[in-house]
């Protein structure tokens, strides 16, 4: 009948699912940092205590905890904030440098926010992002 055993088929499907989920997680890191920062700055109200939709496993909380843990490890190893974190702050505060600096200074009190930002401003980040994206005219020649 079939040349594949059920075990082989099951393992193949599991391998595909794991590979697909890993690439999806790697792609969405910048969006994840921004979403977690937004949740931290403006948390949703807690569900009612008697709510049936309340679950013990809150996936958003777990993802955000791991995201902020990765930011902390990056900060400890390099001495500055990751670019994704700074870009997310610029998006959240609509490129308002003063608000970004205040948020960084408030969140990371023992550190010097000038060193954490490493000379990066929202304007310099935008300029770099626009320089990276190739124009459609230059690629057609």
N, C-alpha and C. Protein backbone atom coordinates (compact mmCIF):
# COMPACT_ATOMS: atom_id res chain seq x y z
N UNK A 1 0.82 -1.17 0.00
CA UNK A 1 0.00 0.00 0.00
C UNK A 1 0.88 1.25 0.00
N UNK A 2 1.17 1.76 1.19
CA UNK A 2 1.96 2.98 1.31
C UNK A 2 3.39 2.63 1.68
N UNK A 3 4.35 3.35 1.11
CA UNK A 3 5.76 3.06 1.39
C UNK A 3 6.24 3.72 2.68
N UNK A 4 5.45 4.63 3.23
CA UNK A 4 5.83 5.32 4.47
C UNK A 4 5.13 4.69 5.66
N UNK A 5 5.88 4.48 6.72
CA UNK A 5 5.27 3.98 7.94
C UNK A 5 4.62 5.16 8.67
N UNK A 6 3.65 4.90 9.53
CA UNK A 6 3.00 5.99 10.27
C UNK A 6 3.99 6.80 11.12
N UNK A 7 4.99 6.13 11.65
CA UNK A 7 5.98 6.84 12.46
C UNK A 7 6.80 7.81 11.61
N UNK A 8 7.21 7.37 10.44
CA UNK A 8 7.99 8.22 9.54
C UNK A 8 7.17 9.41 9.09
N UNK A 9 5.93 9.18 8.77
CA UNK A 9 5.04 10.26 8.34
C UNK A 9 4.82 11.26 9.48
N UNK A 10 4.61 10.76 10.68
CA UNK A 10 4.42 11.63 11.84
C UNK A 10 5.66 12.48 12.10
N UNK A 11 6.84 11.86 12.06
CA UNK A 11 8.08 12.60 12.29
C UNK A 11 8.32 13.65 11.21
N UNK A 12 7.98 13.33 9.97
CA UNK A 12 8.14 14.29 8.88
C UNK A 12 7.23 15.50 9.07
N UNK A 13 6.00 15.25 9.44
CA UNK A 13 5.06 16.35 9.67
C UNK A 13 5.51 17.20 10.85
N UNK A 14 5.97 16.58 11.92
CA UNK A 14 6.45 17.33 13.08
C UNK A 14 7.66 18.18 12.73
N UNK A 15 8.57 17.64 11.92
CA UNK A 15 9.75 18.39 11.50
C UNK A 15 9.35 19.61 10.68
N UNK A 16 8.40 19.45 9.79
CA UNK A 16 7.91 20.58 9.00
C UNK A 16 7.26 21.64 9.87
N UNK A 17 6.47 21.22 10.85
CA UNK A 17 5.82 22.18 11.74
C UNK A 17 6.84 22.95 12.57
N UNK A 18 7.82 22.27 13.10
CA UNK A 18 8.84 22.94 13.91
C UNK A 18 9.66 23.91 13.06
N UNK A 19 10.04 23.48 11.87
CA UNK A 19 10.81 24.35 10.97
C UNK A 19 10.00 25.58 10.58
N UNK A 20 8.74 25.39 10.28
CA UNK A 20 7.88 26.52 9.92
C UNK A 20 7.68 27.48 11.06
N UNK A 21 7.49 26.97 12.25
CA UNK A 21 7.28 27.86 13.39
C UNK A 21 8.56 28.60 13.76
N UNK A 22 9.71 27.99 13.60
CA UNK A 22 10.97 28.67 13.91
C UNK A 22 11.20 29.83 12.96
N UNK A 23 10.92 29.64 11.67
CA UNK A 23 11.13 30.74 10.72
C UNK A 23 10.11 31.84 10.95
N UNK A 24 8.90 31.50 11.36
CA UNK A 24 7.89 32.52 11.64
C UNK A 24 8.27 33.34 12.87
N UNK A 25 8.85 32.71 13.86
CA UNK A 25 9.28 33.43 15.06
C UNK A 25 10.46 34.35 14.74
N UNK A 26 11.39 33.88 13.92
CA UNK A 26 12.56 34.70 13.58
C UNK A 26 12.17 35.92 12.76
N UNK A 27 11.18 35.80 11.91
CA UNK A 27 10.76 36.91 11.07
C UNK A 27 10.07 38.00 11.88
N UNK A 28 9.31 37.63 12.87
CA UNK A 28 8.46 38.59 13.56
C UNK A 28 9.10 39.20 14.81
N UNK A 29 10.41 39.19 14.95
CA UNK A 29 11.01 39.70 16.17
C UNK A 29 10.82 41.20 16.34
N UNK A 30 10.98 41.98 15.27
CA UNK A 30 10.82 43.43 15.40
C UNK A 30 9.39 43.78 15.79
N UNK A 31 8.43 43.12 15.17
CA UNK A 31 7.03 43.36 15.51
C UNK A 31 6.73 42.89 16.93
N UNK A 32 7.37 41.82 17.36
CA UNK A 32 7.16 41.30 18.70
C UNK A 32 7.68 42.28 19.75
N UNK A 33 8.84 42.87 19.51
CA UNK A 33 9.39 43.84 20.46
C UNK A 33 8.44 45.02 20.59
N UNK A 34 7.95 45.51 19.46
CA UNK A 34 7.03 46.66 19.50
C UNK A 34 5.73 46.30 20.22
N UNK A 35 5.18 45.13 19.92
CA UNK A 35 3.93 44.71 20.57
C UNK A 35 4.12 44.57 22.08
N UNK A 36 5.23 43.99 22.49
CA UNK A 36 5.49 43.82 23.92
C UNK A 36 5.70 45.17 24.62
N UNK A 37 6.39 46.09 23.95
CA UNK A 37 6.57 47.41 24.53
C UNK A 37 5.23 48.13 24.68
N UNK A 38 4.38 48.00 23.67
CA UNK A 38 3.05 48.63 23.75
C UNK A 38 2.24 48.03 24.91
N UNK A 39 2.33 46.72 25.08
CA UNK A 39 1.62 46.08 26.20
C UNK A 39 2.18 46.51 27.54
N UNK A 40 3.49 46.74 27.60
CA UNK A 40 4.11 47.17 28.85
C UNK A 40 3.74 48.61 29.18
N UNK A 41 3.70 49.47 28.17
CA UNK A 41 3.39 50.88 28.39
C UNK A 41 1.91 51.12 28.64
N UNK A 42 1.06 50.34 28.00
CA UNK A 42 -0.38 50.51 28.14
C UNK A 42 -1.03 49.14 28.33
N UNK A 43 -0.92 48.55 29.51
CA UNK A 43 -1.43 47.19 29.72
C UNK A 43 -2.96 47.14 29.64
N UNK A 44 -3.48 46.04 29.09
CA UNK A 44 -4.94 45.89 29.05
C UNK A 44 -5.48 45.63 30.45
N UNK A 45 -6.75 45.96 30.67
CA UNK A 45 -7.33 45.68 31.99
C UNK A 45 -7.40 44.17 32.22
N UNK A 46 -7.24 43.74 33.45
CA UNK A 46 -7.30 42.30 33.72
C UNK A 46 -8.72 41.78 33.52
N UNK A 47 -8.85 40.51 33.11
CA UNK A 47 -10.18 39.95 32.95
C UNK A 47 -10.84 39.76 34.31
N UNK A 48 -12.16 39.71 34.35
CA UNK A 48 -12.85 39.49 35.63
C UNK A 48 -12.42 38.15 36.26
N UNK A 49 -12.45 38.10 37.57
CA UNK A 49 -12.00 36.90 38.28
C UNK A 49 -12.85 35.68 37.95
N UNK A 50 -14.12 35.90 37.66
CA UNK A 50 -15.01 34.77 37.38
C UNK A 50 -15.06 34.43 35.89
N UNK A 51 -14.25 35.07 35.10
CA UNK A 51 -14.28 34.86 33.66
C UNK A 51 -13.84 33.43 33.32
N UNK A 52 -14.60 32.81 32.41
CA UNK A 52 -14.26 31.46 31.98
C UNK A 52 -13.16 31.47 30.93
N UNK A 53 -12.96 32.62 30.27
CA UNK A 53 -11.95 32.70 29.23
C UNK A 53 -10.55 32.90 29.81
N UNK A 54 -10.47 33.08 31.11
CA UNK A 54 -9.17 33.28 31.76
C UNK A 54 -8.40 31.97 31.78
N UNK A 55 -7.17 32.03 31.28
CA UNK A 55 -6.37 30.81 31.25
C UNK A 55 -5.11 31.00 32.08
N UNK A 56 -4.58 29.92 32.55
CA UNK A 56 -3.35 29.98 33.34
C UNK A 56 -2.14 30.21 32.44
N UNK A 57 -2.24 29.79 31.20
CA UNK A 57 -1.14 29.92 30.27
C UNK A 57 -1.39 31.13 29.37
N UNK A 58 -0.71 32.21 29.66
CA UNK A 58 -0.86 33.42 28.86
C UNK A 58 0.33 33.50 27.91
N UNK A 59 0.09 33.15 26.66
CA UNK A 59 1.17 33.06 25.68
C UNK A 59 1.83 34.42 25.43
N UNK A 60 1.04 35.49 25.39
CA UNK A 60 1.62 36.83 25.19
C UNK A 60 2.59 37.18 26.30
N UNK A 61 2.23 36.86 27.53
CA UNK A 61 3.10 37.16 28.66
C UNK A 61 4.42 36.39 28.56
N UNK A 62 4.33 35.14 28.14
CA UNK A 62 5.53 34.31 28.01
C UNK A 62 6.43 34.84 26.90
N UNK A 63 5.84 35.18 25.75
CA UNK A 63 6.62 35.70 24.63
C UNK A 63 7.29 37.02 25.00
N UNK A 64 6.55 37.90 25.65
CA UNK A 64 7.11 39.20 26.04
C UNK A 64 8.21 39.04 27.09
N UNK A 65 8.02 38.13 28.01
CA UNK A 65 9.06 37.89 29.02
C UNK A 65 10.35 37.43 28.35
N UNK A 66 10.23 36.51 27.39
CA UNK A 66 11.41 36.02 26.68
C UNK A 66 12.03 37.11 25.80
N UNK A 67 11.19 37.95 25.22
CA UNK A 67 11.69 39.06 24.39
C UNK A 67 12.49 40.03 25.24
N UNK A 68 11.95 40.41 26.39
CA UNK A 68 12.67 41.34 27.26
C UNK A 68 13.91 40.70 27.88
N UNK A 69 13.87 39.40 28.07
CA UNK A 69 15.06 38.70 28.55
C UNK A 69 16.17 38.77 27.49
N UNK A 70 15.79 38.61 26.22
CA UNK A 70 16.77 38.72 25.13
C UNK A 70 17.35 40.13 25.05
N UNK A 71 16.51 41.14 25.28
CA UNK A 71 16.99 42.53 25.29
C UNK A 71 17.99 42.71 26.43
N UNK A 72 17.70 42.15 27.59
CA UNK A 72 18.61 42.27 28.74
C UNK A 72 19.95 41.59 28.47
N UNK A 73 19.93 40.44 27.84
CA UNK A 73 21.17 39.74 27.51
C UNK A 73 21.97 40.55 26.50
N UNK A 74 21.30 41.09 25.49
CA UNK A 74 21.98 41.92 24.49
C UNK A 74 22.60 43.15 25.15
N UNK A 75 21.86 43.75 26.06
CA UNK A 75 22.35 44.94 26.77
C UNK A 75 23.58 44.60 27.61
N UNK A 76 23.53 43.46 28.28
CA UNK A 76 24.67 43.05 29.11
C UNK A 76 25.91 42.76 28.28
N UNK A 77 25.73 42.17 27.10
CA UNK A 77 26.90 41.80 26.29
C UNK A 77 27.46 42.96 25.48
N UNK A 78 26.61 43.84 24.97
CA UNK A 78 27.10 44.92 24.10
C UNK A 78 27.16 46.28 24.77
N UNK A 79 26.38 46.46 25.83
CA UNK A 79 26.34 47.75 26.50
C UNK A 79 25.41 48.75 25.84
N UNK A 80 24.66 48.32 24.84
CA UNK A 80 23.70 49.21 24.20
C UNK A 80 22.42 48.44 23.89
N UNK A 81 21.37 49.17 23.59
CA UNK A 81 20.08 48.54 23.30
C UNK A 81 20.07 47.98 21.88
N UNK A 82 19.33 46.89 21.65
CA UNK A 82 19.22 46.35 20.30
C UNK A 82 18.50 47.34 19.37
N UNK A 83 18.84 47.29 18.11
CA UNK A 83 18.23 48.20 17.12
C UNK A 83 16.72 48.02 17.07
N UNK A 84 16.24 46.78 17.15
CA UNK A 84 14.79 46.52 17.10
C UNK A 84 14.07 47.24 18.23
N UNK A 85 14.69 47.29 19.39
CA UNK A 85 14.10 47.95 20.55
C UNK A 85 14.00 49.45 20.32
N UNK A 86 15.06 50.05 19.80
CA UNK A 86 15.07 51.49 19.54
C UNK A 86 14.07 51.83 18.43
N UNK A 87 14.02 51.02 17.38
CA UNK A 87 13.06 51.24 16.29
C UNK A 87 11.63 51.16 16.82
N UNK A 88 11.37 50.18 17.69
CA UNK A 88 10.03 50.04 18.26
C UNK A 88 9.66 51.27 19.10
N UNK A 89 10.60 51.77 19.89
CA UNK A 89 10.32 52.98 20.66
C UNK A 89 10.03 54.17 19.75
N UNK A 90 10.77 54.28 18.66
CA UNK A 90 10.52 55.37 17.70
C UNK A 90 9.13 55.25 17.10
N UNK A 91 8.70 54.02 16.77
CA UNK A 91 7.35 53.83 16.23
C UNK A 91 6.29 54.20 17.27
N UNK A 92 6.49 53.75 18.48
CA UNK A 92 5.49 53.98 19.53
C UNK A 92 5.34 55.46 19.84
N UNK A 93 6.46 56.17 19.92
CA UNK A 93 6.42 57.59 20.28
C UNK A 93 6.43 58.51 19.07
N UNK A 94 6.16 57.96 17.89
CA UNK A 94 6.04 58.74 16.64
C UNK A 94 7.27 59.62 16.41
N UNK A 95 8.45 59.03 16.53
CA UNK A 95 9.74 59.68 16.28
C UNK A 95 10.01 60.89 17.17
N UNK A 96 9.40 60.94 18.33
CA UNK A 96 9.65 62.02 19.29
C UNK A 96 10.88 61.64 20.12
N UNK A 97 12.02 62.26 19.79
CA UNK A 97 13.29 61.93 20.43
C UNK A 97 13.25 62.11 21.95
N UNK A 98 12.61 63.16 22.39
CA UNK A 98 12.56 63.46 23.83
C UNK A 98 11.84 62.34 24.59
N UNK A 99 10.71 61.88 24.04
CA UNK A 99 9.96 60.80 24.70
C UNK A 99 10.75 59.49 24.69
N UNK A 100 11.45 59.22 23.59
CA UNK A 100 12.26 58.01 23.52
C UNK A 100 13.36 58.06 24.57
N UNK A 101 14.05 59.19 24.67
CA UNK A 101 15.11 59.34 25.67
C UNK A 101 14.57 59.21 27.09
N UNK A 102 13.41 59.82 27.35
CA UNK A 102 12.80 59.72 28.69
C UNK A 102 12.44 58.28 29.03
N UNK A 103 11.88 57.56 28.06
CA UNK A 103 11.50 56.17 28.29
C UNK A 103 12.72 55.31 28.57
N UNK A 104 13.79 55.51 27.79
CA UNK A 104 15.01 54.73 28.00
C UNK A 104 15.62 55.07 29.36
N UNK A 105 15.66 56.36 29.70
CA UNK A 105 16.23 56.77 30.99
C UNK A 105 15.40 56.24 32.15
N UNK A 106 14.07 56.20 32.00
CA UNK A 106 13.20 55.72 33.08
C UNK A 106 13.28 54.20 33.22
N UNK A 107 13.36 53.50 32.10
CA UNK A 107 13.37 52.04 32.13
C UNK A 107 14.72 51.49 32.59
N UNK A 108 15.80 52.11 32.14
CA UNK A 108 17.14 51.62 32.44
C UNK A 108 17.88 52.65 33.29
N UNK A 109 17.38 52.89 34.49
CA UNK A 109 17.91 53.93 35.38
C UNK A 109 19.41 53.86 35.66
N UNK A 110 19.96 52.70 36.00
CA UNK A 110 21.38 52.73 36.36
C UNK A 110 22.31 53.02 35.18
N UNK A 111 21.79 52.93 33.96
CA UNK A 111 22.62 53.13 32.77
C UNK A 111 22.49 54.56 32.27
N UNK A 112 23.47 54.99 31.51
CA UNK A 112 23.43 56.28 30.84
C UNK A 112 22.69 56.10 29.52
N UNK A 113 21.60 56.83 29.31
CA UNK A 113 20.80 56.59 28.11
C UNK A 113 21.54 56.98 26.83
N UNK A 114 22.51 57.89 26.92
CA UNK A 114 23.31 58.23 25.73
C UNK A 114 24.12 57.02 25.27
N UNK A 115 24.67 56.29 26.23
CA UNK A 115 25.44 55.10 25.89
C UNK A 115 24.52 53.99 25.39
N UNK A 116 23.34 53.86 25.97
CA UNK A 116 22.40 52.82 25.55
C UNK A 116 21.93 53.04 24.12
N UNK A 117 21.65 54.29 23.77
CA UNK A 117 21.19 54.58 22.42
C UNK A 117 22.34 54.57 21.42
N UNK A 118 23.57 54.72 21.89
CA UNK A 118 24.78 54.63 21.07
C UNK A 118 24.73 55.57 19.87
N UNK A 119 24.26 56.78 20.10
CA UNK A 119 24.22 57.77 19.03
C UNK A 119 23.10 57.58 18.03
N UNK A 120 22.26 56.59 18.25
CA UNK A 120 21.16 56.35 17.32
C UNK A 120 19.99 57.24 17.68
N UNK A 121 19.44 57.90 16.70
CA UNK A 121 18.24 58.69 16.87
C UNK A 121 17.18 58.14 15.94
N UNK A 122 15.95 58.54 16.15
CA UNK A 122 14.88 58.07 15.27
C UNK A 122 15.14 58.51 13.83
N UNK A 123 15.66 59.72 13.66
CA UNK A 123 15.95 60.22 12.31
C UNK A 123 17.05 59.40 11.64
N UNK A 124 18.10 59.06 12.38
CA UNK A 124 19.19 58.28 11.78
C UNK A 124 18.73 56.85 11.46
N UNK A 125 17.84 56.32 12.29
CA UNK A 125 17.31 54.98 12.03
C UNK A 125 16.44 54.99 10.78
N UNK A 126 15.58 56.00 10.65
CA UNK A 126 14.73 56.11 9.45
C UNK A 126 15.59 56.27 8.20
N UNK A 127 16.62 57.08 8.30
CA UNK A 127 17.51 57.31 7.15
C UNK A 127 18.17 55.99 6.73
N UNK A 128 18.63 55.22 7.71
CA UNK A 128 19.27 53.94 7.43
C UNK A 128 18.28 52.95 6.85
N UNK A 129 17.04 52.95 7.34
CA UNK A 129 16.03 52.03 6.82
C UNK A 129 15.70 52.36 5.37
N UNK A 130 15.62 53.64 5.05
CA UNK A 130 15.31 54.02 3.67
C UNK A 130 16.49 53.75 2.74
N UNK A 131 17.70 53.83 3.25
CA UNK A 131 18.88 53.54 2.43
C UNK A 131 19.00 52.06 2.13
N UNK A 132 18.51 51.22 3.02
CA UNK A 132 18.61 49.77 2.84
C UNK A 132 17.64 49.27 1.79
N UNK A 133 16.43 49.82 1.75
CA UNK A 133 15.43 49.34 0.81
C UNK A 133 15.79 49.79 -0.60
N UNK A 134 15.98 48.84 -1.53
CA UNK A 134 16.35 49.21 -2.90
C UNK A 134 15.15 49.81 -3.64
N UNK A 135 15.43 50.77 -4.48
CA UNK A 135 14.34 51.36 -5.26
C UNK A 135 14.03 50.45 -6.44
N UNK A 136 12.81 50.47 -6.89
CA UNK A 136 12.40 49.60 -8.00
C UNK A 136 13.02 50.07 -9.31
N UNK A 137 13.37 51.35 -9.42
CA UNK A 137 13.97 51.85 -10.66
C UNK A 137 15.39 51.35 -10.84
N UNK A 138 16.18 51.33 -9.80
CA UNK A 138 17.57 50.90 -9.93
C UNK A 138 17.68 49.40 -10.15
N UNK A 139 16.73 48.63 -9.68
CA UNK A 139 16.80 47.19 -9.86
C UNK A 139 16.36 46.76 -11.25
N UNK A 140 15.62 47.62 -11.95
CA UNK A 140 15.15 47.23 -13.28
C UNK A 140 16.18 47.51 -14.35
N UNK A 141 17.25 48.26 -14.04
CA UNK A 141 18.27 48.59 -15.05
C UNK A 141 19.33 47.56 -15.13
